Amino acid sequence: MTGSSDALFDYIATALANFVATEGEGLHPSPGKQRELGFTFSFPVRQTSISSGNLIKWTKGFSIDDTVGEDVVGELTKAMERVGLDMRVSALVNDTIGTLAGGRYYNPDVIAAVILGTGTNAAYVERAQAIPKWHGLLPKSGEMVINMEWGNFRSSHLPLTEYDQDLDVESLNPGEQIFEKIISGMYLGEIVRRVLLKMAEEAAFFGDTVPPKLKIPFILRTPHMSAMHHDESSDLRVVGSKLKDILEISHTSLKMRKAIVELCDIVATRGARLSAAGIVGIIKKLGRDAVKDGEKQKSVIAMDGGLYEHYSKFSTCMESTLKELLGEEVSDNIVIKLSNDGSGIGAALLAASHSQYLEVEES
C-alpha cells in the first residue's frame, strides 16, 4: 500500500462520513455537541496523549512516507474537516490495546490481548513498579498496559529459512517486523508460494516449465493456503481447484496435492508454535506459569484477528502447544477467548471514558 497521507486519511474520513449519513434520527448528537470517535490505529506510534500520537513506522505492507513522524489524529482531523464532518477523536488506540480494554471490561481475569490477523501484536497488564522505563508518577491502580509491538521481535534463535530471508529483503520494510513475517496472515501464504516456486524451479515439481503465475508475489494468500490445508476430500479436490484457479496449474496428481498440504502444515505449524511461545513468554513474565500452593489463578488471553478465528488448524496447534509448554495443570487455568472485533469495541469504550462531555453529564 503506497500513496499519500492525504489520500489515505481522506479515504477514512469519507468512509466515516458515509457511515454517519446512515444514522437513524435517534442517534444524532444534541445541538452544540460533536460526535466523538475512538480511532483504532494498528501501527506503531509514539503516543503523546490519549488522543494524539506520531507514527513511528508503517508495517503490514504499508509505505506512505509523508505520514511517518506525523500525528495521525491530526491527519485524520484535517481530513474530516475537508469532508465537512464535525467529529472529534477522543481516544487513539492501538488495536491490541483496544482488544485488551474490551476484554478487561467484560472479564477482569483478562491479563493480555493478542492479535493474530493480517499482522500480529500483543499487550498485557503489568505492575507499574516492574517497568524500568517508567520515571513518572505511578498510577493509582498500580498497573500499566504494555504494548509489546512483538511483531518487530527478532532473534538469532528464530527458525528463519532462506524463504523468510528473501521475503524480508524484498519487502517494503526489510530488517523489520521479522516475527510478524513468519507468523501472521499477511505472510504465511507468501512463504508457501516461495517454497513452491523453488520446488518448481529446481525439482520440476509442476513439470518442465515453471508456472508463470507462481512467480507473482502474494498471489497465494493465507485464506487460499488455509482452504488447501483443511481439504479433507479423498482426492484433495480443493487443493486442485485452488492451484487451477489461482496459479493456473492444471492436471496435478494426488501425490503432488498431498505434498502441498504437507507444506501448508509445516508453515502453519511453525507460525502457530511461535505464537504460542510468545504467549507463554507473557505468562512467565507475569508469574502465572506455575500453580502456587494449589491456588488456581485463572488467566484469560483476549484474542482477535482473522488468522486465529478462521484458520482452525493454526489455532488448534497454537492451543495444543500452550498445553505442551505450560503443562496440563497450569494450562487448565489459561483460557484463550476469541474477542471478535475486540479492538473496535475497546476503542469505543476508551473513547466513551474520555469524552469531553463526561464531567458535564455526571454533574
Protein backbone atom coordinates (compact mmCIF):
# COMPACT_ATOMS: atom_id res chain seq x y z
CA MET A 1 0.00 0.00 0.00
CA THR A 2 1.65 3.18 -1.19
CA GLY A 3 0.36 6.69 -1.82
CA SER A 4 0.00 9.98 0.03
CA SER A 5 -1.06 10.71 3.59
CA ASP A 6 -3.91 12.95 2.40
CA ALA A 7 -5.26 10.20 0.14
CA LEU A 8 -5.26 7.65 2.97
CA PHE A 9 -6.94 9.85 5.58
CA ASP A 10 -9.38 11.34 3.05
CA TYR A 11 -10.48 7.77 2.31
CA ILE A 12 -11.03 7.08 6.02
CA ALA A 13 -12.86 10.39 6.55
CA THR A 14 -15.11 9.76 3.54
CA ALA A 15 -15.98 6.29 4.84
CA LEU A 16 -16.82 7.84 8.23
CA ALA A 17 -18.99 10.50 6.60
CA ASN A 18 -20.85 7.84 4.60
CA PHE A 19 -21.44 5.85 7.79
CA VAL A 20 -22.71 8.89 9.70
CA ALA A 21 -25.11 9.61 6.82
CA THR A 22 -26.85 6.29 7.53
CA GLU A 23 -27.57 7.12 11.20
CA GLY A 24 -31.13 6.95 12.40
CA GLU A 25 -32.88 10.03 13.79
CA GLY A 26 -32.39 8.97 17.41
CA LEU A 27 -28.62 8.77 17.06
CA HIS A 28 -27.89 12.39 16.16
CA PRO A 29 -25.90 14.31 18.81
CA SER A 30 -27.60 17.05 20.78
CA PRO A 31 -27.28 20.59 19.36
CA GLY A 32 -23.84 22.03 20.06
CA LYS A 33 -22.25 18.64 20.69
CA GLN A 34 -19.68 16.92 18.49
CA ARG A 35 -19.67 13.26 17.65
CA GLU A 36 -16.73 11.53 19.34
CA LEU A 37 -14.59 8.78 17.94
CA GLY A 38 -12.29 6.02 19.13
CA PHE A 39 -9.57 5.71 16.48
CA THR A 40 -8.09 2.22 16.23
CA PHE A 41 -4.71 2.58 14.52
CA SER A 42 -2.85 -0.71 14.10
CA PHE A 43 0.65 0.65 13.57
CA PRO A 44 3.46 1.69 15.94
CA VAL A 45 3.03 5.23 17.27
CA ARG A 46 4.77 7.32 19.89
CA GLN A 47 1.69 8.21 21.91
CA THR A 48 1.85 11.71 23.39
CA SER A 49 -1.63 11.77 24.96
CA ILE A 50 -4.84 9.75 24.98
CA SER A 51 -5.81 11.44 21.71
CA SER A 52 -2.54 12.07 19.90
CA GLY A 53 0.43 10.10 18.67
CA ASN A 54 3.11 10.27 16.00
CA LEU A 55 3.57 7.40 13.57
CA ILE A 56 6.93 5.69 14.13
CA LYS A 57 6.84 3.45 11.06
CA TRP A 58 4.46 1.55 8.83
CA THR A 59 4.05 -2.24 8.93
CA LYS A 60 1.90 -4.85 7.14
CA GLY A 61 2.96 -3.73 3.67
CA PHE A 62 2.07 -0.03 4.06
CA SER A 63 4.61 2.54 2.88
CA ILE A 64 3.40 6.16 2.95
CA ASP A 65 6.45 8.24 3.71
CA ASP A 66 4.82 11.61 4.38
CA THR A 67 2.82 10.21 7.33
CA VAL A 68 5.86 8.95 9.27
CA GLY A 69 6.56 11.25 12.21
CA GLU A 70 3.17 12.97 11.92
CA ASP A 71 0.35 12.98 14.47
CA VAL A 72 -2.14 10.53 12.96
CA VAL A 73 -5.04 12.07 14.89
CA GLY A 74 -4.14 15.46 13.45
CA GLU A 75 -4.05 13.96 9.96
CA LEU A 76 -7.48 12.37 10.42
CA THR A 77 -8.91 15.56 11.95
CA LYS A 78 -7.80 17.61 8.93
CA ALA A 79 -9.30 15.02 6.59
CA MET A 80 -12.63 15.10 8.46
CA GLU A 81 -12.65 18.88 8.16
CA ARG A 82 -12.05 18.57 4.40
CA VAL A 83 -15.17 16.42 4.00
CA GLY A 84 -17.25 18.58 6.37
CA LEU A 85 -17.50 16.03 9.17
CA ASP A 86 -17.76 17.52 12.67
CA MET A 87 -16.21 14.75 14.76
CA ARG A 88 -13.53 14.65 17.46
CA VAL A 89 -11.10 11.82 18.16
CA SER A 90 -11.25 11.34 21.93
CA ALA A 91 -9.04 8.22 22.05
CA LEU A 92 -6.24 6.95 19.83
CA VAL A 93 -5.97 3.22 20.42
CA ASN A 94 -3.67 0.51 19.13
CA ASP A 95 -5.78 -2.48 18.07
CA THR A 96 -4.14 -4.73 20.67
CA ILE A 97 -4.79 -2.21 23.44
CA GLY A 98 -8.40 -1.95 22.27
CA THR A 99 -8.79 -5.71 22.44
CA LEU A 100 -7.29 -5.74 25.94
CA ALA A 101 -9.57 -2.91 27.10
CA GLY A 102 -12.67 -4.56 25.65
CA GLY A 103 -11.74 -7.94 27.11
CA ARG A 104 -10.98 -6.50 30.54
CA TYR A 105 -14.27 -4.57 30.56
CA TYR A 106 -16.24 -7.80 30.27
CA ASN A 107 -13.90 -10.08 32.21
CA PRO A 108 -11.50 -8.94 34.98
CA ASP A 109 -9.47 -12.15 34.51
CA VAL A 110 -8.17 -10.89 31.14
CA ILE A 111 -4.43 -10.32 31.56
CA ALA A 112 -3.33 -9.90 27.95
CA ALA A 113 -4.53 -9.48 24.39
CA VAL A 114 -3.08 -10.90 21.20
CA ILE A 115 -3.82 -10.00 17.60
CA LEU A 116 -3.29 -12.76 15.04
CA GLY A 117 -4.61 -11.44 11.76
CA THR A 118 -3.01 -9.69 8.81
CA GLY A 119 -0.36 -8.57 11.28
CA THR A 120 0.35 -9.53 14.87
CA ASN A 121 0.91 -7.85 18.21
CA ALA A 122 0.38 -8.39 21.92
CA ALA A 123 -0.30 -6.29 25.01
CA TYR A 124 -0.55 -7.14 28.69
CA VAL A 125 -1.24 -5.62 32.11
CA GLU A 126 1.95 -5.10 34.11
CA ARG A 127 2.74 -3.92 37.63
CA ALA A 128 3.89 -0.31 37.26
CA GLN A 129 6.83 -0.91 39.61
CA ALA A 130 8.14 -3.60 37.25
CA ILE A 131 8.62 -1.13 34.37
CA PRO A 132 12.21 0.22 34.39
CA LYS A 133 11.49 2.75 31.63
CA TRP A 134 8.75 4.49 33.64
CA HIS A 135 10.01 7.50 35.61
CA GLY A 136 6.78 9.41 36.22
CA LEU A 137 4.20 9.15 38.99
CA LEU A 138 2.81 5.68 39.48
CA PRO A 139 -0.85 5.27 38.50
CA LYS A 140 -3.34 4.86 41.35
CA SER A 141 -4.18 1.34 40.21
CA GLY A 142 -0.52 0.32 40.43
CA GLU A 143 -0.80 -1.17 36.95
CA MET A 144 0.05 -0.11 33.41
CA VAL A 145 -0.65 -1.56 30.00
CA ILE A 146 2.36 -2.59 27.91
CA ASN A 147 2.00 -2.52 24.13
CA MET A 148 4.69 -5.03 23.15
CA GLU A 149 4.80 -4.47 19.38
CA TRP A 150 6.01 -8.06 19.32
CA GLY A 151 5.75 -8.23 15.54
CA ASN A 152 9.11 -6.43 15.49
CA PHE A 153 10.80 -9.06 17.68
CA ARG A 154 13.86 -10.64 16.13
CA SER A 155 16.42 -13.06 17.50
CA SER A 156 19.13 -15.39 16.27
CA HIS A 157 17.05 -18.16 17.86
CA LEU A 158 14.11 -17.68 15.48
CA PRO A 159 13.95 -20.56 12.96
CA LEU A 160 14.39 -18.44 9.83
CA THR A 161 14.83 -20.07 6.44
CA GLU A 162 16.11 -18.79 3.11
CA TYR A 163 12.49 -18.15 2.12
CA ASP A 164 11.97 -15.88 5.14
CA GLN A 165 15.20 -14.03 4.45
CA ASP A 166 14.34 -13.46 0.79
CA LEU A 167 10.81 -12.33 1.68
CA ASP A 168 12.24 -9.85 4.18
CA VAL A 169 14.82 -8.43 1.75
CA GLU A 170 12.14 -7.89 -0.92
CA SER A 171 9.58 -6.40 1.49
CA LEU A 172 8.72 -2.72 1.94
CA ASN A 173 10.36 -2.78 5.39
CA PRO A 174 13.46 -5.01 5.21
CA GLY A 175 15.01 -5.89 8.54
CA GLU A 176 11.84 -5.03 10.46
CA GLN A 177 8.79 -6.96 11.74
CA ILE A 178 10.65 -10.27 11.48
CA PHE A 179 8.40 -12.12 13.95
CA GLU A 180 5.33 -10.82 12.12
CA LYS A 181 6.72 -12.04 8.80
CA ILE A 182 6.85 -15.65 9.98
CA ILE A 183 3.59 -15.96 11.95
CA SER A 184 0.97 -13.54 10.60
CA GLY A 185 -1.74 -13.85 8.00
CA MET A 186 -0.20 -11.45 5.53
CA TYR A 187 2.86 -13.64 5.02
CA LEU A 188 2.06 -17.34 5.55
CA GLY A 189 0.60 -17.86 2.08
CA GLU A 190 3.51 -15.97 0.53
CA ILE A 191 6.00 -18.28 2.27
CA VAL A 192 4.19 -21.29 0.80
CA ARG A 193 4.33 -19.68 -2.67
CA ARG A 194 8.07 -19.11 -2.38
CA VAL A 195 8.71 -22.73 -1.41
CA LEU A 196 6.53 -23.97 -4.29
CA LEU A 197 8.41 -21.70 -6.70
CA LYS A 198 11.75 -23.17 -5.63
CA MET A 199 10.34 -26.68 -5.98
CA ALA A 200 9.15 -25.80 -9.48
CA GLU A 201 12.47 -24.23 -10.50
CA GLU A 202 14.86 -26.77 -9.01
CA ALA A 203 12.87 -30.02 -8.94
CA ALA A 204 10.42 -29.52 -11.83
CA PHE A 205 7.61 -30.10 -9.33
CA PHE A 206 4.97 -28.87 -11.79
CA GLY A 207 6.67 -30.21 -14.92
CA ASP A 208 9.24 -28.88 -17.35
CA THR A 209 8.06 -25.27 -17.19
CA VAL A 210 7.62 -23.02 -14.17
CA PRO A 211 4.00 -21.78 -13.95
CA PRO A 212 4.16 -18.01 -14.69
CA LYS A 213 1.56 -17.10 -12.04
CA LEU A 214 3.69 -18.78 -9.38
CA LYS A 215 6.27 -16.02 -9.85
CA ILE A 216 3.85 -13.27 -8.74
CA PRO A 217 4.46 -12.19 -5.11
CA PHE A 218 1.49 -12.54 -2.74
CA ILE A 219 -0.74 -14.13 -5.39
CA LEU A 220 -1.23 -17.06 -2.99
CA ARG A 221 -2.90 -15.61 0.09
CA THR A 222 -3.24 -17.20 3.51
CA PRO A 223 -7.00 -17.89 3.08
CA HIS A 224 -6.09 -19.94 -0.03
CA MET A 225 -3.44 -21.77 1.99
CA SER A 226 -5.96 -22.43 4.77
CA ALA A 227 -8.52 -23.82 2.32
CA MET A 228 -5.93 -26.26 0.93
CA HIS A 229 -4.70 -27.20 4.41
CA HIS A 230 -8.25 -28.00 5.55
CA ASP A 231 -9.12 -30.06 2.45
CA GLU A 232 -10.34 -33.45 3.69
CA SER A 233 -11.71 -34.79 0.40
CA SER A 234 -10.26 -38.12 -0.74
CA ASP A 235 -8.84 -36.62 -3.93
CA LEU A 236 -7.93 -33.24 -2.37
CA ARG A 237 -10.13 -31.51 -4.92
CA VAL A 238 -9.97 -28.16 -3.09
CA VAL A 239 -6.18 -28.17 -3.47
CA GLY A 240 -6.58 -28.95 -7.16
CA SER A 241 -9.12 -26.19 -7.72
CA LYS A 242 -7.03 -23.57 -5.87
CA LEU A 243 -3.97 -24.44 -7.93
CA LYS A 244 -6.01 -24.17 -11.11
CA ASP A 245 -7.98 -21.02 -10.25
CA ILE A 246 -5.17 -19.00 -8.64
CA LEU A 247 -1.96 -20.28 -10.20
CA GLU A 248 -3.40 -21.68 -13.46
CA ILE A 249 -1.80 -25.06 -12.72
CA SER A 250 -3.88 -27.93 -14.11
CA HIS A 251 -3.51 -31.71 -14.08
CA THR A 252 -1.94 -32.12 -10.64
CA SER A 253 -1.58 -35.62 -9.24
CA LEU A 254 -2.82 -36.70 -5.82
CA LYS A 255 0.81 -37.14 -4.74
CA MET A 256 1.56 -33.50 -5.65
CA ARG A 257 -1.53 -32.29 -3.81
CA LYS A 258 -0.55 -34.23 -0.68
CA ALA A 259 2.90 -32.63 -0.78
CA ILE A 260 1.31 -29.17 -0.95
CA VAL A 261 -0.96 -29.92 2.03
CA GLU A 262 2.11 -31.08 3.97
CA LEU A 263 3.90 -27.84 3.06
CA CYS A 264 0.93 -25.79 4.31
CA ASP A 265 1.01 -27.80 7.53
CA ILE A 266 4.73 -27.14 8.07
CA VAL A 267 4.40 -23.37 7.55
CA ALA A 268 1.24 -23.07 9.66
CA THR A 269 2.63 -25.25 12.46
CA ARG A 270 5.78 -23.15 12.75
CA GLY A 271 3.71 -19.95 12.95
CA ALA A 272 1.28 -21.41 15.49
CA ARG A 273 4.02 -22.77 17.75
CA LEU A 274 5.94 -19.49 17.69
CA SER A 275 2.72 -17.62 18.53
CA ALA A 276 2.20 -19.94 21.49
CA ALA A 277 5.79 -19.36 22.62
CA GLY A 278 5.14 -15.61 22.64
CA ILE A 279 2.05 -16.06 24.80
CA VAL A 280 3.97 -18.32 27.18
CA GLY A 281 6.58 -15.56 27.48
CA ILE A 282 3.89 -13.14 28.71
CA ILE A 283 2.52 -15.71 31.16
CA LYS A 284 6.01 -16.34 32.54
CA LYS A 285 6.70 -12.59 32.85
CA LEU A 286 3.56 -12.23 34.95
CA GLY A 287 4.50 -15.20 37.13
CA ARG A 288 1.47 -17.20 36.09
CA ASP A 289 3.37 -20.21 34.75
CA ALA A 290 3.09 -22.21 37.96
CA VAL A 291 0.34 -23.27 40.35
CA LYS A 292 1.21 -21.89 43.79
CA ASP A 293 0.10 -23.85 46.87
CA GLY A 294 -2.76 -25.41 44.95
CA GLU A 295 -4.15 -21.96 44.15
CA LYS A 296 -5.88 -21.84 40.78
CA GLN A 297 -5.34 -18.44 39.18
CA LYS A 298 -7.40 -18.05 36.02
CA SER A 299 -5.64 -16.16 33.21
CA VAL A 300 -7.62 -15.12 30.14
CA ILE A 301 -6.00 -14.07 26.86
CA ALA A 302 -8.30 -11.96 24.68
CA MET A 303 -7.66 -12.96 21.07
CA ASP A 304 -8.67 -11.10 17.93
CA GLY A 305 -7.78 -11.48 14.26
CA GLY A 306 -8.91 -13.44 11.23
CA LEU A 307 -5.93 -15.80 11.24
CA TYR A 308 -6.84 -17.17 14.67
CA GLU A 309 -10.58 -17.03 14.04
CA HIS A 310 -10.73 -18.66 10.60
CA TYR A 311 -7.62 -20.86 10.30
CA SER A 312 -8.70 -23.61 12.69
CA LYS A 313 -5.65 -25.86 12.21
CA PHE A 314 -3.46 -22.87 13.14
CA SER A 315 -5.46 -22.02 16.27
CA THR A 316 -5.75 -25.67 17.35
CA CYS A 317 -1.99 -26.14 17.00
CA MET A 318 -1.33 -22.94 18.93
CA GLU A 319 -3.54 -24.03 21.82
CA SER A 320 -2.06 -27.54 21.97
CA THR A 321 1.44 -26.00 22.02
CA LEU A 322 0.44 -23.86 25.02
CA LYS A 323 -0.51 -27.04 26.87
CA GLU A 324 2.75 -28.69 25.84
CA LEU A 325 4.87 -25.76 27.05
CA LEU A 326 2.99 -24.99 30.26
CA GLY A 327 1.96 -28.47 31.33
CA GLU A 328 -1.53 -29.79 31.97
CA GLU A 329 -2.03 -28.29 35.44
CA VAL A 330 -1.09 -24.71 34.52
CA SER A 331 -2.70 -24.77 31.08
CA ASP A 332 -6.04 -25.74 32.65
CA ASN A 333 -6.10 -22.21 34.10
CA ILE A 334 -5.20 -20.48 30.81
CA VAL A 335 -8.17 -19.52 28.64
CA ILE A 336 -7.95 -18.20 25.07
CA LYS A 337 -11.07 -16.13 24.48
CA LEU A 338 -11.98 -15.02 20.96
CA SER A 339 -12.85 -11.33 21.12
CA ASN A 340 -14.46 -10.66 17.75
CA ASP A 341 -13.82 -7.03 16.78
CA GLY A 342 -12.45 -6.58 20.29
CA SER A 343 -10.23 -3.75 19.07
CA GLY A 344 -13.21 -1.74 17.81
CA ILE A 345 -15.27 -2.36 20.95
CA GLY A 346 -12.32 -1.47 23.17
CA ALA A 347 -11.68 1.74 21.23
CA ALA A 348 -15.33 2.74 21.65
CA LEU A 349 -15.17 2.08 25.40
CA LEU A 350 -11.97 4.11 25.78
CA ALA A 351 -13.43 6.94 23.70
CA ALA A 352 -16.55 7.00 25.88
CA SER A 353 -14.48 7.03 29.07
CA HIS A 354 -12.53 10.05 27.79
CA SER A 355 -15.47 12.01 26.40
CA GLN A 356 -15.20 15.78 26.71
CA TYR A 357 -18.81 15.76 27.92
CA LEU A 358 -18.34 13.15 30.66
CA GLU A 359 -17.88 15.56 33.59
CA VAL A 360 -20.77 17.73 32.41
CA GLU A 361 -23.13 14.76 32.22
CA GLU A 362 -22.01 13.42 35.62
CA SER A 363 -22.57 16.79 37.28
